[in-house]
């Protein structure tokens, strides 16, 4: 269900196919210290924990547990669970593919993404996908081809949370898709909350009031 989109300067190419849905992701925050004669500041690259996020002017959709950037020309789609009536996932559809970013509870020690990446690799291969492992700015990444759809998965370990990002699109856009995915993951803000949760529990998604009202009106028609 398409909800809204940001205006684009050029016509965007639509992505095709469905992405695989394995279990989770992590997040890492890098710190670079800059010193001068009078002061010291810390530059942080994302994804960000809500405690470290700064006002940067990037348009994001606030989903409660995550605030995900919405690039120019992108469209936000909400996937509802037919049985429960709740939100299953929120996707950002870009010209290079459909991006889905999800956050999960993780141990303080981190390292969850490596576990999930191994499981995801096995699951994709069992489903007949062609899988290639590689490295990125946060560690391991996976690429997979399922039919006509190209997939890229990244994960980041954060403080008691893990962030997983996946982009699914046509193979013709596979070269540009990883950078598009990393840009959205890099700009995401995670609000883990203080409540205890079992490891791998998905952090809850809360829709903005305007989006929730729009969906309710469409369902009522």
Protein backbone atom coordinates (compact mmCIF):
# COMPACT_ATOMS: atom_id res chain seq x y z
CA UNK A 1 0.00 0.00 0.00
CA UNK A 2 1.63 3.24 -1.13
CA UNK A 3 1.30 6.04 1.40
CA UNK A 4 3.35 8.98 0.26
CA UNK A 5 6.43 9.90 -1.72
CA UNK A 6 8.89 12.75 -2.05
CA UNK A 7 8.92 14.59 -5.39
CA UNK A 8 11.59 13.45 -7.78
CA UNK A 9 13.66 15.42 -10.29
CA UNK A 10 13.80 12.53 -12.73
CA UNK A 11 11.43 9.67 -13.37
CA UNK A 12 12.28 6.78 -11.06
CA UNK A 13 12.53 3.18 -12.13
CA UNK A 14 10.20 0.84 -10.22
CA UNK A 15 11.63 -2.20 -8.47
CA UNK A 16 10.20 -5.66 -8.95
CA UNK A 17 9.84 -8.78 -6.89
CA UNK A 18 9.67 -9.65 -3.23
CA UNK A 19 12.64 -9.70 -0.89
CA UNK A 20 13.55 -12.66 1.30
CA UNK A 21 12.68 -12.14 4.95
CA UNK A 22 15.26 -13.64 7.30
CA UNK A 23 15.62 -12.67 10.89
CA UNK A 24 17.71 -9.64 11.98
CA UNK A 25 20.44 -6.98 11.87
CA UNK A 26 22.98 -4.97 13.97
CA UNK A 27 24.34 -1.47 14.15
CA UNK A 28 27.73 0.07 14.69
CA UNK A 29 28.51 3.70 15.47
CA UNK A 30 31.91 5.02 14.43
CA UNK A 31 33.47 7.97 16.25
CA UNK A 32 36.13 10.27 14.84
CA UNK A 33 37.59 12.85 17.19
CA UNK A 34 38.59 16.26 15.91
CA UNK A 35 40.66 18.52 18.12
CA UNK A 36 41.60 22.16 17.83
CA UNK A 37 43.27 24.59 20.21
CA UNK A 38 40.04 25.49 21.99
CA UNK A 39 37.66 22.54 21.83
CA UNK A 40 37.12 18.88 21.01
CA UNK A 41 34.13 17.49 19.10
CA UNK A 42 33.03 14.01 18.09
CA UNK A 43 31.83 13.23 14.58
CA UNK A 44 29.52 10.23 14.42
CA UNK A 45 28.55 8.30 11.30
CA UNK A 46 25.34 6.33 11.26
CA UNK A 47 23.24 4.46 11.79
CA UNK A 48 22.58 6.30 15.02
CA UNK A 49 21.27 5.36 18.40
CA UNK A 50 18.61 7.89 19.41
CA UNK A 51 20.91 9.07 22.22
CA UNK A 52 23.60 10.04 19.68
CA UNK A 53 21.44 11.44 16.87
CA UNK A 54 21.81 15.08 15.88
CA UNK A 55 19.56 17.40 13.91
CA UNK A 56 20.83 17.05 10.35
CA UNK A 57 17.79 18.10 8.33
CA UNK A 58 17.42 14.72 6.58
CA UNK A 59 13.73 13.88 5.91
CA UNK A 60 12.81 10.69 7.78
CA UNK A 61 9.65 8.75 8.45
CA UNK A 62 9.26 8.14 12.19
CA UNK A 63 8.23 4.54 12.78
CA UNK A 64 8.74 4.57 16.54
CA UNK A 65 11.65 2.17 16.87
CA UNK A 66 13.35 3.45 13.72
CA UNK A 67 13.42 6.74 11.84
CA UNK A 68 14.23 5.93 8.24
CA UNK A 69 15.40 8.45 5.61
CA UNK A 70 13.10 9.01 2.64
CA UNK A 71 15.23 10.02 -0.37
CA UNK A 72 13.98 12.40 -3.03
CA UNK A 73 11.80 10.52 -5.50
CA UNK A 74 11.17 7.63 -3.09
CA UNK A 75 7.79 6.29 -2.00
CA UNK A 76 6.82 4.76 1.34
CA UNK A 77 4.73 1.57 1.31
CA UNK A 78 3.15 -0.11 4.34
CA UNK A 79 2.72 -3.89 4.41
CA UNK A 80 -0.12 -4.96 6.68
CA UNK A 81 -0.64 -8.34 8.33
CA UNK A 82 -3.98 -9.66 7.07
CA UNK A 83 -4.59 -11.79 10.17
CA UNK A 84 -3.61 -9.44 12.99
CA UNK A 85 -4.32 -6.17 11.22
CA UNK A 86 -0.96 -4.87 12.44
CA UNK A 87 1.97 -3.50 10.47
CA UNK A 88 4.23 -6.23 9.09
CA UNK A 89 6.83 -3.97 7.46
CA UNK A 90 7.41 -0.52 6.01
CA UNK A 91 9.28 -0.25 2.71
CA UNK A 92 11.00 2.70 1.05
CA UNK A 93 10.75 2.22 -2.72
CA UNK A 94 13.65 3.91 -4.53
CA UNK A 95 14.63 3.97 -8.19
CA UNK A 96 17.08 1.12 -7.50
CA UNK A 97 14.79 -1.15 -5.51
CA UNK A 98 12.61 -1.64 -2.46
CA UNK A 99 14.44 -1.02 0.81
CA UNK A 100 13.29 -2.52 4.10
CA UNK A 101 15.03 -1.56 7.34
CA UNK A 102 14.18 -3.36 10.57
CA UNK A 103 15.55 -3.22 14.11
CA UNK A 104 15.76 -6.02 16.67
CA UNK A 105 16.70 -6.46 20.31
CA UNK A 106 20.28 -7.65 20.66
CA UNK A 107 22.69 -8.60 23.44
CA UNK A 108 24.97 -5.99 24.98
CA UNK A 109 27.94 -7.97 23.74
CA UNK A 110 26.89 -7.46 20.10
CA UNK A 111 27.79 -9.91 17.35
CA UNK A 112 24.22 -10.84 16.44
CA UNK A 113 24.60 -9.92 12.78
CA UNK A 114 27.29 -12.56 12.21
CA UNK A 115 24.92 -15.22 13.54
CA UNK A 116 22.02 -13.96 11.46
CA UNK A 117 24.19 -13.62 8.37
CA UNK A 118 25.19 -17.30 8.60
CA UNK A 119 21.54 -18.34 8.96
CA UNK A 120 20.45 -16.08 6.13
CA UNK A 121 23.16 -17.48 3.85
CA UNK A 122 21.96 -21.03 4.50
CA UNK A 123 18.29 -20.10 4.10
CA UNK A 124 18.83 -18.35 0.77
CA UNK A 125 20.85 -21.22 -0.63
CA UNK A 126 18.21 -23.71 0.54
CA UNK A 127 15.66 -21.66 -1.39
CA UNK A 128 17.73 -21.97 -4.54
CA UNK A 129 19.26 -18.50 -4.54
CA UNK A 130 22.73 -17.73 -5.86
CA UNK A 131 24.49 -16.16 -2.87
CA UNK A 132 27.72 -14.17 -2.69
CA UNK A 133 29.28 -12.96 0.57
CA UNK A 134 31.31 -9.79 0.80
CA UNK A 135 32.37 -6.99 3.11
CA UNK A 136 31.17 -3.44 3.65
CA UNK A 137 31.57 -0.54 6.01
CA UNK A 138 29.80 -2.39 8.86
CA UNK A 139 31.17 -5.85 8.17
CA UNK A 140 29.63 -8.76 6.30
CA UNK A 141 27.12 -8.28 3.49
CA UNK A 142 25.24 -10.78 1.37
CA UNK A 143 24.18 -10.55 -2.27
CA UNK A 144 21.67 -12.99 -3.73
CA UNK A 145 19.86 -13.59 -7.00
CA UNK A 146 16.36 -15.05 -6.72
CA UNK A 147 14.80 -15.45 -10.14
CA UNK A 148 14.86 -12.00 -11.72
CA UNK A 149 15.34 -10.21 -8.40
CA UNK A 150 18.67 -9.02 -7.00
CA UNK A 151 18.97 -8.77 -3.22
CA UNK A 152 21.55 -7.14 -0.97
CA UNK A 153 21.59 -7.51 2.83
CA UNK A 154 23.57 -5.48 5.33
CA UNK A 155 23.60 -5.56 9.11
CA UNK A 156 24.85 -3.33 11.90
CA UNK A 157 25.33 -4.12 15.60
CA UNK A 158 24.34 -1.27 17.93
CA UNK A 159 23.88 -0.76 21.67
CA UNK A 160 21.39 -3.53 22.56
CA UNK A 161 19.93 -3.44 19.06
CA UNK A 162 20.68 -4.82 15.64
CA UNK A 163 19.67 -3.18 12.38
CA UNK A 164 19.03 -5.15 9.21
CA UNK A 165 18.64 -3.60 5.80
CA UNK A 166 17.71 -5.28 2.53
CA UNK A 167 17.13 -3.93 -0.95
CA UNK A 168 15.24 -5.94 -3.57
CA UNK A 169 15.17 -4.82 -7.18
CA UNK A 170 15.73 -5.75 -10.80
CA UNK A 171 19.12 -7.16 -11.74
CA UNK A 172 19.61 -4.19 -14.08
CA UNK A 173 19.95 -1.96 -10.98
CA UNK A 174 22.09 -4.38 -8.95
CA UNK A 175 25.24 -2.29 -9.35
CA UNK A 176 23.68 0.85 -7.82
CA UNK A 177 21.48 -0.87 -5.23
CA UNK A 178 24.11 -1.51 -2.51
CA UNK A 179 25.06 2.17 -2.25
CA UNK A 180 21.38 3.16 -2.14
CA UNK A 181 20.79 0.67 0.67
CA UNK A 182 23.85 1.78 2.65
CA UNK A 183 22.80 5.42 2.40
CA UNK A 184 19.43 4.68 4.02
CA UNK A 185 20.96 2.44 6.69
CA UNK A 186 23.61 5.07 7.43
CA UNK A 187 20.95 7.72 8.00
CA UNK A 188 18.63 5.59 10.16
CA UNK A 189 18.03 6.44 13.83
CA UNK A 190 17.17 3.57 16.22
CA UNK A 191 15.12 4.03 19.39
CA UNK A 192 15.62 0.76 21.28
CA UNK A 193 13.80 1.84 24.45
CA UNK A 194 14.66 0.63 27.94
CA UNK A 195 12.24 -2.31 28.24
CA UNK A 196 13.86 -5.76 28.50
CA UNK A 197 13.27 -7.89 25.41
CA UNK A 198 14.41 -11.34 24.33
CA UNK A 199 17.24 -11.25 21.82
CA UNK A 200 15.99 -11.11 18.20
CA UNK A 201 12.63 -9.62 19.15
CA UNK A 202 11.61 -7.15 16.41
CA UNK A 203 11.38 -3.63 17.78
CA UNK A 204 7.76 -2.44 17.38
CA UNK A 205 6.72 -0.30 14.42
CA UNK A 206 4.42 2.65 15.08
CA UNK A 207 3.00 4.54 12.12
CA UNK A 208 2.72 8.34 12.10
CA UNK A 209 -0.84 9.49 12.82
CA UNK A 210 -1.41 10.79 9.30
CA UNK A 211 -0.26 7.51 7.74
CA UNK A 212 -2.31 5.38 10.15
CA UNK A 213 -5.41 7.50 9.42
CA UNK A 214 -4.87 7.18 5.68
CA UNK A 215 -4.67 3.39 5.96
CA UNK A 216 -7.77 3.24 8.14
CA UNK A 217 -9.72 5.28 5.60
CA UNK A 218 -8.62 3.02 2.73
CA UNK A 219 -9.51 -0.12 4.68
CA UNK A 220 -12.93 1.33 5.45
CA UNK A 221 -13.76 1.91 1.81
